[in-house]
Amino acid sequence: MSGELAGGANERVRRHAKAALDLANELLHRRTADYRLAALCAQATTSVINLIAIISGRRDRGR
């Protein structure tokens, strides 16, 4: 993803993607997970999936 979002103008998008992925991974491996943490994990995972879809062109306007 960092190759597709190179340059300073995309730094915040890269940070968002990394933070969402880090959150999903951390919540996934928590042994004390409950429904709330599972929902947060799902939301973080969805965010990463949507970012990848947008960057790859699968979420073009008008589709």
Protein backbone atom coordinates (compact mmCIF):
# COMPACT_ATOMS: atom_id res chain seq x y z
CA MET A 1 0.00 0.00 0.00
CA SER A 2 2.86 2.38 0.75
CA GLY A 3 4.00 2.12 -2.88
CA GLU A 4 0.61 3.26 -4.12
CA LEU A 5 0.46 6.08 -1.58
CA ALA A 6 3.99 7.41 -1.85
CA GLY A 7 4.82 11.00 -0.99
CA GLY A 8 4.14 13.43 1.79
CA ALA A 9 0.62 14.23 0.62
CA ASN A 10 -0.49 10.68 1.44
CA GLU A 11 1.22 10.37 4.81
CA ARG A 12 -2.02 10.63 6.79
CA VAL A 13 -3.71 7.98 4.67
CA ARG A 14 -0.75 5.65 5.25
CA ARG A 15 -0.86 6.35 8.99
CA HIS A 16 -4.61 5.65 9.08
CA ALA A 17 -4.16 2.35 7.25
CA LYS A 18 -1.30 1.28 9.53
CA ALA A 19 -3.18 2.29 12.69
CA ALA A 20 -6.33 0.41 11.62
CA LEU A 21 -4.32 -2.71 10.78
CA ASP A 22 -2.36 -2.52 14.04
CA LEU A 23 -5.62 -2.14 16.01
CA ALA A 24 -7.26 -5.08 14.26
CA ASN A 25 -4.23 -7.30 14.88
CA GLU A 26 -3.95 -6.31 18.53
CA LEU A 27 -7.65 -6.85 19.23
CA LEU A 28 -7.66 -10.16 17.37
CA HIS A 29 -5.09 -11.64 19.74
CA ARG A 30 -6.52 -10.30 22.98
CA ARG A 31 -7.61 -13.13 25.25
CA THR A 32 -10.05 -10.94 27.15
CA ALA A 33 -12.03 -9.98 24.06
CA ASP A 34 -15.73 -9.37 24.43
CA TYR A 35 -18.42 -8.28 21.99
CA ARG A 36 -17.33 -4.64 22.10
CA LEU A 37 -13.71 -5.47 21.24
CA ALA A 38 -14.84 -7.87 18.52
CA ALA A 39 -16.95 -5.10 16.99
CA LEU A 40 -13.98 -2.70 17.11
CA CYS A 41 -11.80 -5.34 15.45
CA ALA A 42 -14.38 -5.84 12.70
CA GLN A 43 -14.62 -2.09 12.13
CA ALA A 44 -10.84 -1.70 11.90
CA THR A 45 -10.65 -4.62 9.46
CA THR A 46 -13.43 -3.13 7.33
CA SER A 47 -11.57 0.16 7.23
CA VAL A 48 -8.42 -1.53 5.89
CA ILE A 49 -10.42 -3.48 3.30
CA ASN A 50 -12.15 -0.31 2.10
CA LEU A 51 -8.86 1.59 1.87
CA ILE A 52 -7.40 -1.18 -0.28
CA ALA A 53 -10.50 -1.21 -2.49
CA ILE A 54 -10.29 2.56 -3.00
CA ILE A 55 -6.56 2.50 -3.76
CA SER A 56 -6.90 -0.40 -6.20
CA GLY A 57 -9.65 1.38 -8.11
CA ARG A 58 -12.46 -0.95 -7.14
CA ARG A 59 -14.40 1.90 -5.56
CA ASP A 60 -14.50 4.28 -8.47
CA ARG A 61 -17.12 6.98 -8.54
CA GLY A 62 -20.13 6.07 -10.63
CA ARG A 63 -19.81 2.31 -10.23
